[in-house]
Amino acid sequence: LVRREMREGFRSGAEGDIEDCLTCVKPFDVDVSTIRCPVRAVHGSDDDWEPLSNLTRFLDQIDDTQLIVLDGMSHFGPHLYPDLLIALVTGAAGSRSFTTAT
């Protein structure tokens, strides 16, 4: 699954990956503080590809946010557990607890 996702990500070249890397150090090219809808973000505690600080830098500029950090989840958690991600983002997860294998 990860190999397929990586292949798709690089299908048109490395520009997308380079752009992702640059978001860690350059300012956003949009004013995210103008976002007026609630934002729910999910991040894995064991994500060693994308630091949590990159996400919080974004979320800190928006008024109505909720951050969910999944203990033990890696960067590829959304690819491995898509139903979990959908449930969390849509609020369908409610108060259920989830266990993930990493």
PDB file of N, CA and C in Angstrom:
ATOM      1  N   LEU A   1       0.821  -1.194   0.000  1.00  0.00           N
ATOM      2  CA  LEU A   1       0.000   0.000   0.000  1.00  0.00           C
ATOM      3  C   LEU A   1       0.865   1.259   0.000  1.00  0.00           C
ATOM      4  N   VAL A   2       1.848   1.297   0.871  1.00  0.00           N
ATOM      5  CA  VAL A   2       2.720   2.472   0.948  1.00  0.00           C
ATOM      6  C   VAL A   2       3.476   2.647  -0.357  1.00  0.00           C
ATOM      7  N   ARG A   3       3.960   1.559  -0.923  1.00  0.00           N
ATOM      8  CA  ARG A   3       4.696   1.626  -2.185  1.00  0.00           C
ATOM      9  C   ARG A   3       3.799   2.198  -3.288  1.00  0.00           C
ATOM     10  N   ARG A   4       2.542   1.739  -3.342  1.00  0.00           N
ATOM     11  CA  ARG A   4       1.605   2.238  -4.348  1.00  0.00           C
ATOM     12  C   ARG A   4       1.356   3.741  -4.162  1.00  0.00           C
ATOM     13  N   GLU A   5       1.171   4.167  -2.926  1.00  0.00           N
ATOM     14  CA  GLU A   5       0.931   5.586  -2.644  1.00  0.00           C
ATOM     15  C   GLU A   5       2.147   6.431  -3.018  1.00  0.00           C
ATOM     16  N   MET A   6       3.333   5.952  -2.696  1.00  0.00           N
ATOM     17  CA  MET A   6       4.550   6.692  -3.033  1.00  0.00           C
ATOM     18  C   MET A   6       4.721   6.777  -4.546  1.00  0.00           C
ATOM     19  N   ARG A   7       4.466   5.670  -5.242  1.00  0.00           N
ATOM     20  CA  ARG A   7       4.582   5.665  -6.701  1.00  0.00           C
ATOM     21  C   ARG A   7       3.624   6.691  -7.308  1.00  0.00           C
ATOM     22  N   GLU A   8       2.406   6.737  -6.826  1.00  0.00           N
ATOM     23  CA  GLU A   8       1.425   7.701  -7.323  1.00  0.00           C
ATOM     24  C   GLU A   8       1.884   9.132  -7.021  1.00  0.00           C
ATOM     25  N   GLY A   9       2.428   9.346  -5.833  1.00  0.00           N
ATOM     26  CA  GLY A   9       2.890  10.674  -5.459  1.00  0.00           C
ATOM     27  C   GLY A   9       4.006  11.194  -6.348  1.00  0.00           C
ATOM     28  N   PHE A  10       4.819  10.297  -6.856  1.00  0.00           N
ATOM     29  CA  PHE A  10       5.942  10.702  -7.698  1.00  0.00           C
ATOM     30  C   PHE A  10       5.678  10.483  -9.193  1.00  0.00           C
ATOM     31  N   ARG A  11       4.454  10.079  -9.545  1.00  0.00           N
ATOM     32  CA  ARG A  11       4.142   9.763 -10.940  1.00  0.00           C
ATOM     33  C   ARG A  11       4.485  10.914 -11.880  1.00  0.00           C
ATOM     34  N   SER A  12       4.188  12.129 -11.498  1.00  0.00           N
ATOM     35  CA  SER A  12       4.446  13.263 -12.380  1.00  0.00           C
ATOM     36  C   SER A  12       5.774  13.957 -12.064  1.00  0.00           C
ATOM     37  N   GLY A  13       6.569  13.373 -11.189  1.00  0.00           N
ATOM     38  CA  GLY A  13       7.857  13.958 -10.856  1.00  0.00           C
ATOM     39  C   GLY A  13       7.976  14.226  -9.370  1.00  0.00           C
ATOM     40  N   ALA A  14       9.094  14.794  -8.990  1.00  0.00           N
ATOM     41  CA  ALA A  14       9.383  15.019  -7.571  1.00  0.00           C
ATOM     42  C   ALA A  14       8.891  16.375  -7.074  1.00  0.00           C
ATOM     43  N   GLU A  15       8.289  17.181  -7.945  1.00  0.00           N
ATOM     44  CA  GLU A  15       7.894  18.531  -7.565  1.00  0.00           C
ATOM     45  C   GLU A  15       6.951  18.554  -6.370  1.00  0.00           C
ATOM     46  N   GLY A  16       5.996  17.633  -6.331  1.00  0.00           N
ATOM     47  CA  GLY A  16       5.047  17.591  -5.213  1.00  0.00           C
ATOM     48  C   GLY A  16       5.732  17.323  -3.888  1.00  0.00           C
ATOM     49  N   ASP A  17       6.666  16.399  -3.884  1.00  0.00           N
ATOM     50  CA  ASP A  17       7.396  16.091  -2.656  1.00  0.00           C
ATOM     51  C   ASP A  17       8.275  17.264  -2.250  1.00  0.00           C
ATOM     52  N   ILE A  18       8.884  17.898  -3.218  1.00  0.00           N
ATOM     53  CA  ILE A  18       9.720  19.067  -2.921  1.00  0.00           C
ATOM     54  C   ILE A  18       8.864  20.177  -2.333  1.00  0.00           C
ATOM     55  N   GLU A  19       7.694  20.401  -2.910  1.00  0.00           N
ATOM     56  CA  GLU A  19       6.784  21.428  -2.399  1.00  0.00           C
ATOM     57  C   GLU A  19       6.368  21.111  -0.966  1.00  0.00           C
ATOM     58  N   ASP A  20       6.074  19.842  -0.667  1.00  0.00           N
ATOM     59  CA  ASP A  20       5.741  19.444   0.705  1.00  0.00           C
ATOM     60  C   ASP A  20       6.878  19.778   1.661  1.00  0.00           C
ATOM     61  N   CYS A  21       8.095  19.482   1.259  1.00  0.00           N
ATOM     62  CA  CYS A  21       9.255  19.766   2.110  1.00  0.00           C
ATOM     63  C   CYS A  21       9.412  21.264   2.340  1.00  0.00           C
ATOM     64  N   LEU A  22       9.166  22.056   1.324  1.00  0.00           N
ATOM     65  CA  LEU A  22       9.311  23.503   1.456  1.00  0.00           C
ATOM     66  C   LEU A  22       8.276  24.113   2.394  1.00  0.00           C
ATOM     67  N   THR A  23       7.128  23.460   2.549  1.00  0.00           N
ATOM     68  CA  THR A  23       6.116  24.016   3.456  1.00  0.00           C
ATOM     69  C   THR A  23       6.605  24.027   4.894  1.00  0.00           C
ATOM     70  N   CYS A  24       7.617  23.246   5.188  1.00  0.00           N
ATOM     71  CA  CYS A  24       8.162  23.225   6.547  1.00  0.00           C
ATOM     72  C   CYS A  24       8.925  24.500   6.879  1.00  0.00           C
ATOM     73  N   VAL A  25       9.409  25.199   5.864  1.00  0.00           N
ATOM     74  CA  VAL A  25      10.281  26.339   6.131  1.00  0.00           C
ATOM     75  C   VAL A  25       9.799  27.658   5.542  1.00  0.00           C
ATOM     76  N   LYS A  26       8.883  27.624   4.586  1.00  0.00           N
ATOM     77  CA  LYS A  26       8.448  28.874   3.971  1.00  0.00           C
ATOM     78  C   LYS A  26       7.053  29.249   4.464  1.00  0.00           C
ATOM     79  N   PRO A  27       6.717  30.518   4.356  1.00  0.00           N
ATOM     80  CA  PRO A  27       5.376  30.948   4.761  1.00  0.00           C
ATOM     81  C   PRO A  27       4.313  30.337   3.850  1.00  0.00           C
ATOM     82  N   PHE A  28       3.101  30.163   4.387  1.00  0.00           N
ATOM     83  CA  PHE A  28       1.993  29.687   3.562  1.00  0.00           C
ATOM     84  C   PHE A  28       1.694  30.725   2.498  1.00  0.00           C
ATOM     85  N   ASP A  29       1.263  30.280   1.323  1.00  0.00           N
ATOM     86  CA  ASP A  29       0.933  31.240   0.269  1.00  0.00           C
ATOM     87  C   ASP A  29      -0.538  31.640   0.300  1.00  0.00           C
ATOM     88  N   VAL A  30      -1.232  31.266   1.363  1.00  0.00           N
ATOM     89  CA  VAL A  30      -2.606  31.704   1.601  1.00  0.00           C
ATOM     90  C   VAL A  30      -2.701  32.186   3.042  1.00  0.00           C
ATOM     91  N   ASP A  31      -3.657  33.041   3.302  1.00  0.00           N
ATOM     92  CA  ASP A  31      -3.865  33.535   4.654  1.00  0.00           C
ATOM     93  C   ASP A  31      -4.834  32.590   5.358  1.00  0.00           C
ATOM     94  N   VAL A  32      -4.294  31.612   6.072  1.00  0.00           N
ATOM     95  CA  VAL A  32      -5.152  30.605   6.707  1.00  0.00           C
ATOM     96  C   VAL A  32      -6.002  31.202   7.825  1.00  0.00           C
ATOM     97  N   SER A  33      -5.649  32.386   8.311  1.00  0.00           N
ATOM     98  CA  SER A  33      -6.460  33.010   9.358  1.00  0.00           C
ATOM     99  C   SER A  33      -7.838  33.417   8.845  1.00  0.00           C
ATOM    100  N   THR A  34      -8.029  33.404   7.520  1.00  0.00           N
ATOM    101  CA  THR A  34      -9.341  33.739   6.956  1.00  0.00           C
ATOM    102  C   THR A  34     -10.280  32.542   6.931  1.00  0.00           C
ATOM    103  N   ILE A  35      -9.802  31.370   7.322  1.00  0.00           N
ATOM    104  CA  ILE A  35     -10.658  30.179   7.378  1.00  0.00           C
ATOM    105  C   ILE A  35     -11.672  30.385   8.495  1.00  0.00           C
ATOM    106  N   ARG A  36     -12.948  30.276   8.178  1.00  0.00           N
ATOM    107  CA  ARG A  36     -14.012  30.564   9.140  1.00  0.00           C
ATOM    108  C   ARG A  36     -14.819  29.325   9.540  1.00  0.00           C
ATOM    109  N   CYS A  37     -14.475  28.181   9.022  1.00  0.00           N
ATOM    110  CA  CYS A  37     -15.189  26.962   9.400  1.00  0.00           C
ATOM    111  C   CYS A  37     -14.357  26.193  10.419  1.00  0.00           C
ATOM    112  N   PRO A  38     -15.001  25.331  11.204  1.00  0.00           N
ATOM    113  CA  PRO A  38     -14.228  24.509  12.151  1.00  0.00           C
ATOM    114  C   PRO A  38     -13.250  23.603  11.400  1.00  0.00           C
ATOM    115  N   VAL A  39     -12.082  23.418  11.981  1.00  0.00           N
ATOM    116  CA  VAL A  39     -11.054  22.568  11.382  1.00  0.00           C
ATOM    117  C   VAL A  39     -10.672  21.503  12.397  1.00  0.00           C
ATOM    118  N   ARG A  40     -10.763  20.252  11.994  1.00  0.00           N
ATOM    119  CA  ARG A  40     -10.335  19.130  12.831  1.00  0.00           C
ATOM    120  C   ARG A  40      -9.150  18.481  12.138  1.00  0.00           C
ATOM    121  N   ALA A  41      -8.037  18.384  12.833  1.00  0.00           N
ATOM    122  CA  ALA A  41      -6.815  17.816  12.264  1.00  0.00           C
ATOM    123  C   ALA A  41      -6.406  16.582  13.054  1.00  0.00           C
ATOM    124  N   VAL A  42      -5.851  15.617  12.344  1.00  0.00           N
ATOM    125  CA  VAL A  42      -5.406  14.358  12.957  1.00  0.00           C
ATOM    126  C   VAL A  42      -3.923  14.193  12.658  1.00  0.00           C
ATOM    127  N   HIS A  43      -3.161  13.841  13.699  1.00  0.00           N
ATOM    128  CA  HIS A  43      -1.713  13.652  13.540  1.00  0.00           C
ATOM    129  C   HIS A  43      -1.287  12.450  14.364  1.00  0.00           C
ATOM    130  N   GLY A  44      -0.315  11.718  13.871  1.00  0.00           N
ATOM    131  CA  GLY A  44       0.210  10.574  14.605  1.00  0.00           C
ATOM    132  C   GLY A  44       1.369  10.972  15.502  1.00  0.00           C
ATOM    133  N   SER A  45       1.366  10.456  16.717  1.00  0.00           N
ATOM    134  CA  SER A  45       2.449  10.789  17.655  1.00  0.00           C
ATOM    135  C   SER A  45       3.802  10.273  17.186  1.00  0.00           C
ATOM    136  N   ASP A  46       3.792   9.228  16.367  1.00  0.00           N
ATOM    137  CA  ASP A  46       5.044   8.636  15.887  1.00  0.00           C
ATOM    138  C   ASP A  46       5.352   9.001  14.439  1.00  0.00           C
ATOM    139  N   ASP A  47       4.781  10.111  13.969  1.00  0.00           N
ATOM    140  CA  ASP A  47       5.044  10.574  12.604  1.00  0.00           C
ATOM    141  C   ASP A  47       6.424  11.212  12.563  1.00  0.00           C
ATOM    142  N   ASP A  48       7.378  10.511  11.957  1.00  0.00           N
ATOM    143  CA  ASP A  48       8.728  11.049  11.876  1.00  0.00           C
ATOM    144  C   ASP A  48       9.006  11.679  10.508  1.00  0.00           C
ATOM    145  N   TRP A  49       7.970  11.843   9.687  1.00  0.00           N
ATOM    146  CA  TRP A  49       8.113  12.498   8.391  1.00  0.00           C
ATOM    147  C   TRP A  49       7.657  13.949   8.449  1.00  0.00           C
ATOM    148  N   GLU A  50       6.618  14.200   9.223  1.00  0.00           N
ATOM    149  CA  GLU A  50       6.031  15.542   9.300  1.00  0.00           C
ATOM    150  C   GLU A  50       5.909  15.920  10.770  1.00  0.00           C
ATOM    151  N   PRO A  51       6.685  16.880  11.221  1.00  0.00           N
ATOM    152  CA  PRO A  51       6.634  17.250  12.640  1.00  0.00           C
ATOM    153  C   PRO A  51       5.282  17.845  13.023  1.00  0.00           C
ATOM    154  N   LEU A  52       4.858  17.561  14.231  1.00  0.00           N
ATOM    155  CA  LEU A  52       3.608  18.129  14.740  1.00  0.00           C
ATOM    156  C   LEU A  52       3.658  19.650  14.710  1.00  0.00           C
ATOM    157  N   SER A  53       4.831  20.231  14.875  1.00  0.00           N
ATOM    158  CA  SER A  53       4.965  21.688  14.869  1.00  0.00           C
ATOM    159  C   SER A  53       4.529  22.301  13.538  1.00  0.00           C
ATOM    160  N   ASN A  54       4.680  21.576  12.428  1.00  0.00           N
ATOM    161  CA  ASN A  54       4.197  22.094  11.141  1.00  0.00           C
ATOM    162  C   ASN A  54       2.682  22.229  11.149  1.00  0.00           C
ATOM    163  N   LEU A  55       2.012  21.267  11.730  1.00  0.00           N
ATOM    164  CA  LEU A  55       0.551  21.319  11.800  1.00  0.00           C
ATOM    165  C   LEU A  55       0.087  22.389  12.775  1.00  0.00           C
ATOM    166  N   THR A  56       0.713  22.467  13.937  1.00  0.00           N
ATOM    167  CA  THR A  56       0.266  23.458  14.916  1.00  0.00           C
ATOM    168  C   THR A  56       0.549  24.881  14.429  1.00  0.00           C
ATOM    169  N   ARG A  57       1.587  25.064  13.637  1.00  0.00           N
ATOM    170  CA  ARG A  57       1.865  26.379  13.039  1.00  0.00           C
ATOM    171  C   ARG A  57       0.686  26.817  12.173  1.00  0.00           C
ATOM    172  N   PHE A  58       0.104  25.892  11.487  1.00  0.00           N
ATOM    173  CA  PHE A  58      -1.076  26.143  10.657  1.00  0.00           C
ATOM    174  C   PHE A  58      -2.315  26.362  11.534  1.00  0.00           C
ATOM    175  N   LEU A  59      -2.540  25.462  12.478  1.00  0.00           N
ATOM    176  CA  LEU A  59      -3.743  25.523  13.311  1.00  0.00           C
ATOM    177  C   LEU A  59      -3.772  26.750  14.218  1.00  0.00           C
ATOM    178  N   ASP A  60      -2.622  27.205  14.654  1.00  0.00           N
ATOM    179  CA  ASP A  60      -2.557  28.371  15.541  1.00  0.00           C
ATOM    180  C   ASP A  60      -3.105  29.637  14.893  1.00  0.00           C
ATOM    181  N   GLN A  61      -3.220  29.637  13.587  1.00  0.00           N
ATOM    182  CA  GLN A  61      -3.709  30.814  12.868  1.00  0.00           C
ATOM    183  C   GLN A  61      -5.211  30.773  12.602  1.00  0.00           C
ATOM    184  N   ILE A  62      -5.875  29.710  13.032  1.00  0.00           N
ATOM    185  CA  ILE A  62      -7.309  29.526  12.763  1.00  0.00           C
ATOM    186  C   ILE A  62      -8.054  29.542  14.093  1.00  0.00           C
ATOM    187  N   ASP A  63      -9.207  30.208  14.104  1.00  0.00           N
ATOM    188  CA  ASP A  63      -9.950  30.382  15.357  1.00  0.00           C
ATOM    189  C   ASP A  63     -10.525  29.091  15.932  1.00  0.00           C
ATOM    190  N   ASP A  64     -11.169  28.278  15.116  1.00  0.00           N
ATOM    191  CA  ASP A  64     -11.929  27.128  15.624  1.00  0.00           C
ATOM    192  C   ASP A  64     -11.277  25.827  15.157  1.00  0.00           C
ATOM    193  N   THR A  65     -10.365  25.286  15.981  1.00  0.00           N
ATOM    194  CA  THR A  65      -9.658  24.065  15.583  1.00  0.00           C
ATOM    195  C   THR A  65      -9.737  23.004  16.677  1.00  0.00           C
ATOM    196  N   GLN A  66      -9.601  21.779  16.249  1.00  0.00           N
ATOM    197  CA  GLN A  66      -9.482  20.642  17.157  1.00  0.00           C
ATOM    198  C   GLN A  66      -8.345  19.772  16.627  1.00  0.00           C
ATOM    199  N   LEU A  67      -7.400  19.464  17.487  1.00  0.00           N
ATOM    200  CA  LEU A  67      -6.281  18.608  17.118  1.00  0.00           C
ATOM    201  C   LEU A  67      -6.429  17.271  17.813  1.00  0.00           C
ATOM    202  N   ILE A  68      -6.379  16.204  17.033  1.00  0.00           N
ATOM    203  CA  ILE A  68      -6.423  14.844  17.558  1.00  0.00           C
ATOM    204  C   ILE A  68      -5.066  14.214  17.272  1.00  0.00           C
ATOM    205  N   VAL A  69      -4.351  13.832  18.323  1.00  0.00           N
ATOM    206  CA  VAL A  69      -3.060  13.165  18.162  1.00  0.00           C
ATOM    207  C   VAL A  69      -3.257  11.700  18.533  1.00  0.00           C
ATOM    208  N   LEU A  70      -2.981  10.822  17.582  1.00  0.00           N
ATOM    209  CA  LEU A  70      -3.166   9.382  17.790  1.00  0.00           C
ATOM    210  C   LEU A  70      -1.858   8.770  18.280  1.00  0.00           C
ATOM    211  N   ASP A  71      -1.898   8.263  19.500  1.00  0.00           N
ATOM    212  CA  ASP A  71      -0.729   7.669  20.123  1.00  0.00           C
ATOM    213  C   ASP A  71      -0.273   6.441  19.338  1.00  0.00           C
ATOM    214  N   GLY A  72       0.978   6.440  18.952  1.00  0.00           N
ATOM    215  CA  GLY A  72       1.554   5.290  18.250  1.00  0.00           C
ATOM    216  C   GLY A  72       1.339   5.292  16.751  1.00  0.00           C
ATOM    217  N   MET A  73       0.635   6.282  16.216  1.00  0.00           N
ATOM    218  CA  MET A  73       0.353   6.317  14.780  1.00  0.00           C
ATOM    219  C   MET A  73       1.536   6.930  14.041  1.00  0.00           C
ATOM    220  N   SER A  74       1.893   6.324  12.921  1.00  0.00           N
ATOM    221  CA  SER A  74       2.990   6.829  12.090  1.00  0.00           C
ATOM    222  C   SER A  74       2.445   7.763  11.007  1.00  0.00           C
ATOM    223  N   HIS A  75       3.322   8.234  10.161  1.00  0.00           N
ATOM    224  CA  HIS A  75       2.950   9.107   9.050  1.00  0.00           C
ATOM    225  C   HIS A  75       1.986   8.404   8.099  1.00  0.00           C
ATOM    226  N   PHE A  76       2.110   7.107   7.987  1.00  0.00           N
ATOM    227  CA  PHE A  76       1.304   6.361   7.025  1.00  0.00           C
ATOM    228  C   PHE A  76       0.003   5.829   7.625  1.00  0.00           C
ATOM    229  N   GLY A  77      -0.316   6.233   8.832  1.00  0.00           N
ATOM    230  CA  GLY A  77      -1.556   5.816   9.473  1.00  0.00           C
ATOM    231  C   GLY A  77      -2.794   6.014   8.625  1.00  0.00           C
ATOM    232  N   PRO A  78      -2.958   7.188   7.982  1.00  0.00           N
ATOM    233  CA  PRO A  78      -4.148   7.380   7.149  1.00  0.00           C
ATOM    234  C   PRO A  78      -4.259   6.376   6.010  1.00  0.00           C
ATOM    235  N   HIS A  79      -3.127   5.912   5.496  1.00  0.00           N
ATOM    236  CA  HIS A  79      -3.139   4.920   4.421  1.00  0.00           C
ATOM    237  C   HIS A  79      -3.454   3.531   4.962  1.00  0.00           C
ATOM    238  N   LEU A  80      -3.024   3.272   6.183  1.00  0.00           N
ATOM    239  CA  LEU A  80      -3.230   1.957   6.778  1.00  0.00           C
ATOM    240  C   LEU A  80      -4.592   1.830   7.440  1.00  0.00           C
ATOM    241  N   TYR A  81      -5.137   2.940   7.930  1.00  0.00           N
ATOM    242  CA  TYR A  81      -6.408   2.937   8.650  1.00  0.00           C
ATOM    243  C   TYR A  81      -7.338   4.026   8.114  1.00  0.00           C
ATOM    244  N   PRO A  82      -7.712   3.960   6.835  1.00  0.00           N
ATOM    245  CA  PRO A  82      -8.521   5.037   6.265  1.00  0.00           C
ATOM    246  C   PRO A  82      -9.879   5.197   6.943  1.00  0.00           C
ATOM    247  N   ASP A  83     -10.495   4.110   7.360  1.00  0.00           N
ATOM    248  CA  ASP A  83     -11.799   4.210   8.019  1.00  0.00           C
ATOM    249  C   ASP A  83     -11.690   4.956   9.347  1.00  0.00           C
ATOM    250  N   LEU A  84     -10.610   4.740  10.061  1.00  0.00           N
ATOM    251  CA  LEU A  84     -10.380   5.454  11.309  1.00  0.00           C
ATOM    252  C   LEU A  84     -10.237   6.949  11.038  1.00  0.00           C
ATOM    253  N   LEU A  85      -9.449   7.304  10.048  1.00  0.00           N
ATOM    254  CA  LEU A  85      -9.252   8.702   9.723  1.00  0.00           C
ATOM    255  C   LEU A  85     -10.575   9.365   9.328  1.00  0.00           C
ATOM    256  N   ILE A  86     -11.348   8.714   8.497  1.00  0.00           N
ATOM    257  CA  ILE A  86     -12.638   9.268   8.077  1.00  0.00           C
ATOM    258  C   ILE A  86     -13.550   9.466   9.277  1.00  0.00           C
ATOM    259  N   ALA A  87     -13.602   8.482  10.170  1.00  0.00           N
ATOM    260  CA  ALA A  87     -14.449   8.589  11.359  1.00  0.00           C
ATOM    261  C   ALA A  87     -14.010   9.746  12.249  1.00  0.00           C
ATOM    262  N   LEU A  88     -12.723   9.920  12.403  1.00  0.00           N
ATOM    263  CA  LEU A  88     -12.224  11.001  13.254  1.00  0.00           C
ATOM    264  C   LEU A  88     -12.469  12.373  12.638  1.00  0.00           C
ATOM    265  N   VAL A  89     -12.228  12.492  11.358  1.00  0.00           N
ATOM    266  CA  VAL A  89     -12.383  13.788  10.701  1.00  0.00           C
ATOM    267  C   VAL A  89     -13.851  14.190  10.613  1.00  0.00           C
ATOM    268  N   THR A  90     -14.728  13.243  10.387  1.00  0.00           N
ATOM    269  CA  THR A  90     -16.152  13.571  10.257  1.00  0.00           C
ATOM    270  C   THR A  90     -16.856  13.638  11.596  1.00  0.00           C
ATOM    271  N   GLY A  91     -16.181  13.216  12.661  1.00  0.00           N
ATOM    272  CA  GLY A  91     -16.807  13.226  13.979  1.00  0.00           C
ATOM    273  C   GLY A  91     -17.598  11.965  14.259  1.00  0.00           C
ATOM    274  N   ALA A  92     -17.591  11.025  13.341  1.00  0.00           N
ATOM    275  CA  ALA A  92     -18.358   9.792  13.512  1.00  0.00           C
ATOM    276  C   ALA A  92     -17.753   8.874  14.564  1.00  0.00           C
ATOM    277  N   ALA A  93     -16.528   9.156  14.985  1.00  0.00           N
ATOM    278  CA  ALA A  93     -15.862   8.292  15.952  1.00  0.00           C
ATOM    279  C   ALA A  93     -16.458   8.451  17.344  1.00  0.00           C
ATOM    280  N   GLY A  94     -17.050   9.610  17.611  1.00  0.00           N
ATOM    281  CA  GLY A  94     -17.630   9.837  18.930  1.00  0.00           C
ATOM    282  C   GLY A  94     -16.609   9.611  20.017  1.00  0.00           C
ATOM    283  N   SER A  95     -16.977   8.855  21.024  1.00  0.00           N
ATOM    284  CA  SER A  95     -16.059   8.608  22.136  1.00  0.00           C
ATOM    285  C   SER A  95     -15.428   7.221  22.060  1.00  0.00           C
ATOM    286  N   ARG A  96     -15.569   6.561  20.908  1.00  0.00           N
ATOM    287  CA  ARG A  96     -14.951   5.242  20.768  1.00  0.00           C
ATOM    288  C   ARG A  96     -13.444   5.361  20.864  1.00  0.00           C
ATOM    289  N   SER A  97     -12.813   4.339  21.372  1.00  0.00           N
ATOM    290  CA  SER A  97     -11.345   4.332  21.388  1.00  0.00           C
ATOM    291  C   SER A  97     -10.868   3.392  20.294  1.00  0.00           C
ATOM    292  N   PHE A  98      -9.694   3.690  19.774  1.00  0.00           N
ATOM    293  CA  PHE A  98      -9.144   2.912  18.690  1.00  0.00           C
ATOM    294  C   PHE A  98      -7.760   2.422  19.066  1.00  0.00           C
ATOM    295  N   THR A  99      -7.445   1.223  18.644  1.00  0.00           N
ATOM    296  CA  THR A  99      -6.113   0.684  18.836  1.00  0.00           C
ATOM    297  C   THR A  99      -5.539   0.450  17.458  1.00  0.00           C
ATOM    298  N   THR A 100      -4.318   0.889  17.249  1.00  0.00           N
ATOM    299  CA  THR A 100      -3.683   0.708  15.960  1.00  0.00           C
ATOM    300  C   THR A 100      -2.392  -0.043  16.131  1.00  0.00           C
ATOM    301  N   ALA A 101      -2.069  -0.838  15.143  1.00  0.00           N
ATOM    302  CA  ALA A 101      -0.793  -1.534  15.111  1.00  0.00           C
ATOM    303  C   ALA A 101       0.143  -0.719  14.244  1.00  0.00           C
ATOM    304  N   THR A 102       1.343  -0.451  14.743  1.00  0.00           N
ATOM    305  CA  THR A 102       2.284   0.341  13.934  1.00  0.00           C
ATOM    306  C   THR A 102       3.479  -0.486  13.576  1.00  0.00           C
TER     307      THR A 102
END
